[in-house]
Amino acid sequence: MWVIRQQDIASKERLSKFKLLESLIAKQELADYEEVLKKKLVDDLSILVLVLGRVGYCHGVLVFLCLVCYVMELCLINILLSFPCATGHVKEALEALKMNHRP
């Protein structure tokens, strides 16, 4: 029984590795605007981690979590505004949300 279980675990691990390899091979290149958005998101989140680490250390968990939500929402609004399809009413609504977040 133990041998069968070990074989089953080994086959599941092998299958998992094949799935990972398959997903990596199937990845498509991002469009230029998607690359720019990805870089902007990474930059924004890097700054967020630095700022929030200090705020959380100084003032406690509640302030830390509130600031995380606030900054993440602003980042998301900025990313959505940069999409080419953000026009008309969608863009106006996002701009209004962004203005409501100004300190």
N, C-alpha and C. Protein backbone atom coordinates (compact mmCIF):
# COMPACT_ATOMS: atom_id res chain seq x y z
N MET A 1 0.83 -1.20 0.00
CA MET A 1 0.00 0.00 0.00
C MET A 1 0.87 1.26 0.00
N TRP A 2 1.93 1.26 0.82
CA TRP A 2 2.82 2.41 0.92
C TRP A 2 3.50 2.69 -0.42
N VAL A 3 3.89 1.64 -1.14
CA VAL A 3 4.56 1.78 -2.43
C VAL A 3 3.62 2.42 -3.44
N ILE A 4 2.37 2.01 -3.43
CA ILE A 4 1.38 2.58 -4.35
C ILE A 4 1.19 4.07 -4.05
N ARG A 5 1.13 4.40 -2.79
CA ARG A 5 0.97 5.83 -2.40
C ARG A 5 2.17 6.65 -2.85
N GLN A 6 3.38 6.14 -2.68
CA GLN A 6 4.58 6.86 -3.12
C GLN A 6 4.58 7.04 -4.63
N GLN A 7 4.16 6.01 -5.37
CA GLN A 7 4.09 6.12 -6.83
C GLN A 7 3.05 7.16 -7.24
N ASP A 8 1.93 7.18 -6.53
CA ASP A 8 0.88 8.16 -6.81
C ASP A 8 1.38 9.58 -6.57
N ILE A 9 2.08 9.79 -5.47
CA ILE A 9 2.64 11.12 -5.17
C ILE A 9 3.66 11.52 -6.22
N ALA A 10 4.52 10.59 -6.62
CA ALA A 10 5.53 10.89 -7.64
C ALA A 10 4.89 11.24 -8.97
N SER A 11 3.84 10.51 -9.35
CA SER A 11 3.17 10.81 -10.62
C SER A 11 2.46 12.16 -10.56
N LYS A 12 1.88 12.51 -9.41
CA LYS A 12 1.23 13.81 -9.27
C LYS A 12 2.24 14.95 -9.36
N GLU A 13 3.40 14.77 -8.75
CA GLU A 13 4.46 15.79 -8.83
C GLU A 13 4.93 15.97 -10.27
N ARG A 14 5.11 14.85 -10.97
CA ARG A 14 5.55 14.90 -12.36
C ARG A 14 4.50 15.61 -13.22
N LEU A 15 3.23 15.29 -13.01
CA LEU A 15 2.14 15.93 -13.75
C LEU A 15 2.11 17.43 -13.47
N SER A 16 2.31 17.81 -12.22
CA SER A 16 2.34 19.22 -11.85
C SER A 16 3.47 19.95 -12.56
N LYS A 17 4.65 19.34 -12.62
CA LYS A 17 5.78 19.95 -13.32
C LYS A 17 5.50 20.10 -14.80
N PHE A 18 4.85 19.09 -15.41
CA PHE A 18 4.50 19.18 -16.82
C PHE A 18 3.51 20.31 -17.08
N LYS A 19 2.53 20.47 -16.18
CA LYS A 19 1.56 21.55 -16.33
C LYS A 19 2.23 22.91 -16.25
N LEU A 20 3.17 23.05 -15.32
CA LEU A 20 3.90 24.31 -15.19
C LEU A 20 4.71 24.59 -16.44
N LEU A 21 5.41 23.58 -16.94
CA LEU A 21 6.20 23.73 -18.16
C LEU A 21 5.31 24.09 -19.34
N GLU A 22 4.16 23.43 -19.43
CA GLU A 22 3.21 23.70 -20.51
C GLU A 22 2.72 25.15 -20.46
N SER A 23 2.42 25.64 -19.27
CA SER A 23 1.93 27.02 -19.15
C SER A 23 3.02 28.03 -19.49
N LEU A 24 4.28 27.71 -19.15
CA LEU A 24 5.38 28.62 -19.49
C LEU A 24 5.62 28.65 -20.99
N ILE A 25 5.52 27.51 -21.64
CA ILE A 25 5.72 27.45 -23.09
C ILE A 25 4.59 28.17 -23.81
N ALA A 26 3.37 28.07 -23.30
CA ALA A 26 2.20 28.65 -23.96
C ALA A 26 2.07 30.15 -23.77
N LYS A 27 2.89 30.75 -22.91
CA LYS A 27 2.78 32.19 -22.66
C LYS A 27 3.03 32.99 -23.93
N GLN A 28 2.21 34.00 -24.13
CA GLN A 28 2.37 34.88 -25.29
C GLN A 28 3.03 36.17 -24.84
N GLU A 29 3.69 36.81 -25.78
CA GLU A 29 4.32 38.10 -25.50
C GLU A 29 3.23 39.14 -25.22
N LEU A 30 3.52 40.06 -24.33
CA LEU A 30 2.59 41.14 -24.03
C LEU A 30 2.72 42.23 -25.08
N ALA A 31 1.61 42.90 -25.34
CA ALA A 31 1.64 44.06 -26.22
C ALA A 31 2.43 45.17 -25.53
N ASP A 32 2.86 46.16 -26.31
CA ASP A 32 3.67 47.25 -25.74
C ASP A 32 2.96 47.96 -24.59
N TYR A 33 1.67 48.27 -24.80
CA TYR A 33 0.95 48.99 -23.74
C TYR A 33 0.78 48.11 -22.50
N GLU A 34 0.68 46.79 -22.68
CA GLU A 34 0.58 45.89 -21.54
C GLU A 34 1.90 45.83 -20.76
N GLU A 35 3.02 45.87 -21.49
CA GLU A 35 4.33 45.90 -20.84
C GLU A 35 4.49 47.18 -20.00
N VAL A 36 4.05 48.32 -20.58
CA VAL A 36 4.13 49.59 -19.86
C VAL A 36 3.28 49.53 -18.60
N LEU A 37 2.06 49.00 -18.72
CA LEU A 37 1.17 48.89 -17.56
C LEU A 37 1.77 47.97 -16.50
N LYS A 38 2.36 46.87 -16.94
CA LYS A 38 2.97 45.94 -15.99
C LYS A 38 4.11 46.61 -15.24
N LYS A 39 4.96 47.35 -15.96
CA LYS A 39 6.08 48.04 -15.33
C LYS A 39 5.58 49.09 -14.34
N LYS A 40 4.54 49.83 -14.74
CA LYS A 40 3.98 50.86 -13.86
C LYS A 40 3.42 50.22 -12.59
N LEU A 41 2.72 49.12 -12.74
CA LEU A 41 2.15 48.44 -11.58
C LEU A 41 3.25 47.96 -10.64
N VAL A 42 4.30 47.37 -11.19
CA VAL A 42 5.41 46.89 -10.37
C VAL A 42 6.07 48.06 -9.63
N ASP A 43 6.28 49.17 -10.35
CA ASP A 43 6.87 50.36 -9.72
C ASP A 43 5.98 50.89 -8.59
N ASP A 44 4.68 51.01 -8.88
CA ASP A 44 3.74 51.52 -7.88
C ASP A 44 3.71 50.62 -6.65
N LEU A 45 3.68 49.32 -6.88
CA LEU A 45 3.62 48.40 -5.75
C LEU A 45 4.93 48.39 -4.96
N SER A 46 6.05 48.62 -5.63
CA SER A 46 7.33 48.69 -4.92
C SER A 46 7.34 49.88 -3.97
N ILE A 47 6.87 51.02 -4.46
CA ILE A 47 6.79 52.21 -3.62
C ILE A 47 5.80 51.96 -2.48
N LEU A 48 4.70 51.32 -2.80
CA LEU A 48 3.69 51.01 -1.79
C LEU A 48 4.27 50.18 -0.65
N VAL A 49 5.05 49.18 -0.99
CA VAL A 49 5.65 48.33 0.04
C VAL A 49 6.57 49.14 0.94
N LEU A 50 7.37 50.02 0.35
CA LEU A 50 8.29 50.83 1.15
C LEU A 50 7.54 51.76 2.09
N VAL A 51 6.54 52.46 1.55
CA VAL A 51 5.78 53.42 2.36
C VAL A 51 5.00 52.70 3.45
N LEU A 52 4.33 51.63 3.07
CA LEU A 52 3.47 50.95 4.04
C LEU A 52 4.25 50.26 5.13
N GLY A 53 5.44 49.81 4.82
CA GLY A 53 6.27 49.20 5.85
C GLY A 53 6.55 50.18 6.96
N ARG A 54 6.84 51.41 6.61
CA ARG A 54 7.12 52.43 7.62
C ARG A 54 5.86 52.83 8.38
N VAL A 55 4.76 53.03 7.66
CA VAL A 55 3.52 53.45 8.31
C VAL A 55 3.05 52.37 9.28
N GLY A 56 3.08 51.12 8.83
CA GLY A 56 2.64 50.02 9.69
C GLY A 56 3.52 49.89 10.92
N TYR A 57 4.78 50.12 10.78
CA TYR A 57 5.71 50.01 11.90
C TYR A 57 5.46 51.12 12.92
N CYS A 58 5.12 52.30 12.42
CA CYS A 58 4.96 53.45 13.32
C CYS A 58 3.59 53.47 14.00
N HIS A 59 2.53 53.12 13.29
CA HIS A 59 1.19 53.39 13.81
C HIS A 59 0.30 52.16 13.98
N GLY A 60 0.77 51.00 13.68
CA GLY A 60 -0.02 49.80 13.93
C GLY A 60 -0.72 49.24 12.71
N VAL A 61 -1.35 48.11 12.93
CA VAL A 61 -1.91 47.32 11.85
C VAL A 61 -3.10 47.99 11.18
N LEU A 62 -3.99 48.61 11.92
CA LEU A 62 -5.19 49.20 11.34
C LEU A 62 -4.84 50.28 10.33
N VAL A 63 -3.96 51.18 10.69
CA VAL A 63 -3.54 52.24 9.77
C VAL A 63 -2.88 51.62 8.55
N PHE A 64 -2.07 50.62 8.75
CA PHE A 64 -1.39 49.93 7.67
C PHE A 64 -2.41 49.38 6.67
N LEU A 65 -3.43 48.69 7.16
CA LEU A 65 -4.42 48.09 6.27
C LEU A 65 -5.25 49.15 5.55
N CYS A 66 -5.61 50.22 6.23
CA CYS A 66 -6.36 51.30 5.59
C CYS A 66 -5.56 51.92 4.46
N LEU A 67 -4.28 52.15 4.71
CA LEU A 67 -3.44 52.76 3.69
C LEU A 67 -3.22 51.81 2.52
N VAL A 68 -3.12 50.52 2.80
CA VAL A 68 -2.98 49.53 1.72
C VAL A 68 -4.18 49.62 0.79
N CYS A 69 -5.37 49.61 1.36
CA CYS A 69 -6.59 49.68 0.54
C CYS A 69 -6.64 50.97 -0.26
N TYR A 70 -6.31 52.07 0.36
CA TYR A 70 -6.35 53.38 -0.28
C TYR A 70 -5.39 53.43 -1.48
N VAL A 71 -4.15 53.03 -1.27
CA VAL A 71 -3.15 53.11 -2.33
C VAL A 71 -3.43 52.11 -3.43
N MET A 72 -3.88 50.91 -3.07
CA MET A 72 -4.19 49.91 -4.09
C MET A 72 -5.33 50.39 -4.98
N GLU A 73 -6.32 51.04 -4.39
CA GLU A 73 -7.44 51.56 -5.19
C GLU A 73 -6.95 52.65 -6.13
N LEU A 74 -6.08 53.54 -5.66
CA LEU A 74 -5.53 54.57 -6.53
C LEU A 74 -4.72 53.96 -7.66
N CYS A 75 -3.91 52.96 -7.36
CA CYS A 75 -3.12 52.29 -8.40
C CYS A 75 -4.03 51.67 -9.44
N LEU A 76 -5.09 51.01 -8.99
CA LEU A 76 -6.02 50.37 -9.91
C LEU A 76 -6.71 51.40 -10.79
N ILE A 77 -7.13 52.51 -10.22
CA ILE A 77 -7.77 53.57 -11.01
C ILE A 77 -6.81 54.08 -12.07
N ASN A 78 -5.56 54.34 -11.71
CA ASN A 78 -4.57 54.83 -12.68
C ASN A 78 -4.33 53.82 -13.79
N ILE A 79 -4.28 52.55 -13.44
CA ILE A 79 -4.07 51.52 -14.46
C ILE A 79 -5.27 51.46 -15.40
N LEU A 80 -6.48 51.48 -14.84
CA LEU A 80 -7.67 51.43 -15.69
C LEU A 80 -7.76 52.64 -16.60
N LEU A 81 -7.36 53.81 -16.10
CA LEU A 81 -7.39 55.02 -16.93
C LEU A 81 -6.40 54.94 -18.08
N SER A 82 -5.34 54.18 -17.93
CA SER A 82 -4.33 54.12 -18.99
C SER A 82 -4.70 53.13 -20.10
N PHE A 83 -5.74 52.34 -19.92
CA PHE A 83 -6.16 51.45 -20.99
C PHE A 83 -6.75 52.25 -22.14
N PRO A 84 -6.46 51.85 -23.37
CA PRO A 84 -7.01 52.58 -24.52
C PRO A 84 -8.53 52.57 -24.57
N CYS A 85 -9.16 51.54 -23.99
CA CYS A 85 -10.61 51.44 -24.07
C CYS A 85 -11.32 52.29 -23.00
N ALA A 86 -10.56 52.96 -22.14
CA ALA A 86 -11.17 53.79 -21.10
C ALA A 86 -11.56 55.13 -21.71
N THR A 87 -12.77 55.20 -22.23
CA THR A 87 -13.26 56.42 -22.88
C THR A 87 -14.65 56.74 -22.36
N GLY A 88 -15.12 57.92 -22.69
CA GLY A 88 -16.49 58.32 -22.39
C GLY A 88 -16.84 58.26 -20.92
N HIS A 89 -18.00 57.63 -20.64
CA HIS A 89 -18.52 57.57 -19.28
C HIS A 89 -17.60 56.81 -18.34
N VAL A 90 -16.93 55.78 -18.86
CA VAL A 90 -16.02 54.99 -18.02
C VAL A 90 -14.88 55.87 -17.53
N LYS A 91 -14.31 56.64 -18.45
CA LYS A 91 -13.20 57.52 -18.08
C LYS A 91 -13.66 58.60 -17.10
N GLU A 92 -14.83 59.16 -17.34
CA GLU A 92 -15.37 60.19 -16.44
C GLU A 92 -15.57 59.63 -15.03
N ALA A 93 -16.11 58.41 -14.94
CA ALA A 93 -16.35 57.79 -13.64
C ALA A 93 -15.03 57.53 -12.91
N LEU A 94 -14.03 57.05 -13.65
CA LEU A 94 -12.73 56.79 -13.04
C LEU A 94 -12.06 58.08 -12.57
N GLU A 95 -12.17 59.13 -13.38
CA GLU A 95 -11.60 60.43 -12.99
C GLU A 95 -12.29 60.95 -11.72
N ALA A 96 -13.62 60.77 -11.64
CA ALA A 96 -14.35 61.21 -10.45
C ALA A 96 -13.89 60.44 -9.21
N LEU A 97 -13.70 59.13 -9.37
CA LEU A 97 -13.18 58.32 -8.25
C LEU A 97 -11.81 58.80 -7.83
N LYS A 98 -10.98 59.11 -8.81
CA LYS A 98 -9.62 59.56 -8.52
C LYS A 98 -9.65 60.90 -7.77
N MET A 99 -10.53 61.80 -8.18
CA MET A 99 -10.63 63.11 -7.52
C MET A 99 -11.11 62.95 -6.07
N ASN A 100 -11.98 61.97 -5.82
CA ASN A 100 -12.47 61.73 -4.45
C ASN A 100 -11.37 61.21 -3.53
N HIS A 101 -10.28 60.71 -4.10
CA HIS A 101 -9.19 60.18 -3.29
C HIS A 101 -8.12 61.22 -2.97
N ARG A 102 -8.27 62.41 -3.46
CA ARG A 102 -7.26 63.44 -3.19
C ARG A 102 -7.33 63.83 -1.71
N PRO A 103 -6.17 63.95 -1.07
CA PRO A 103 -6.17 64.32 0.35
C PRO A 103 -6.61 65.75 0.58
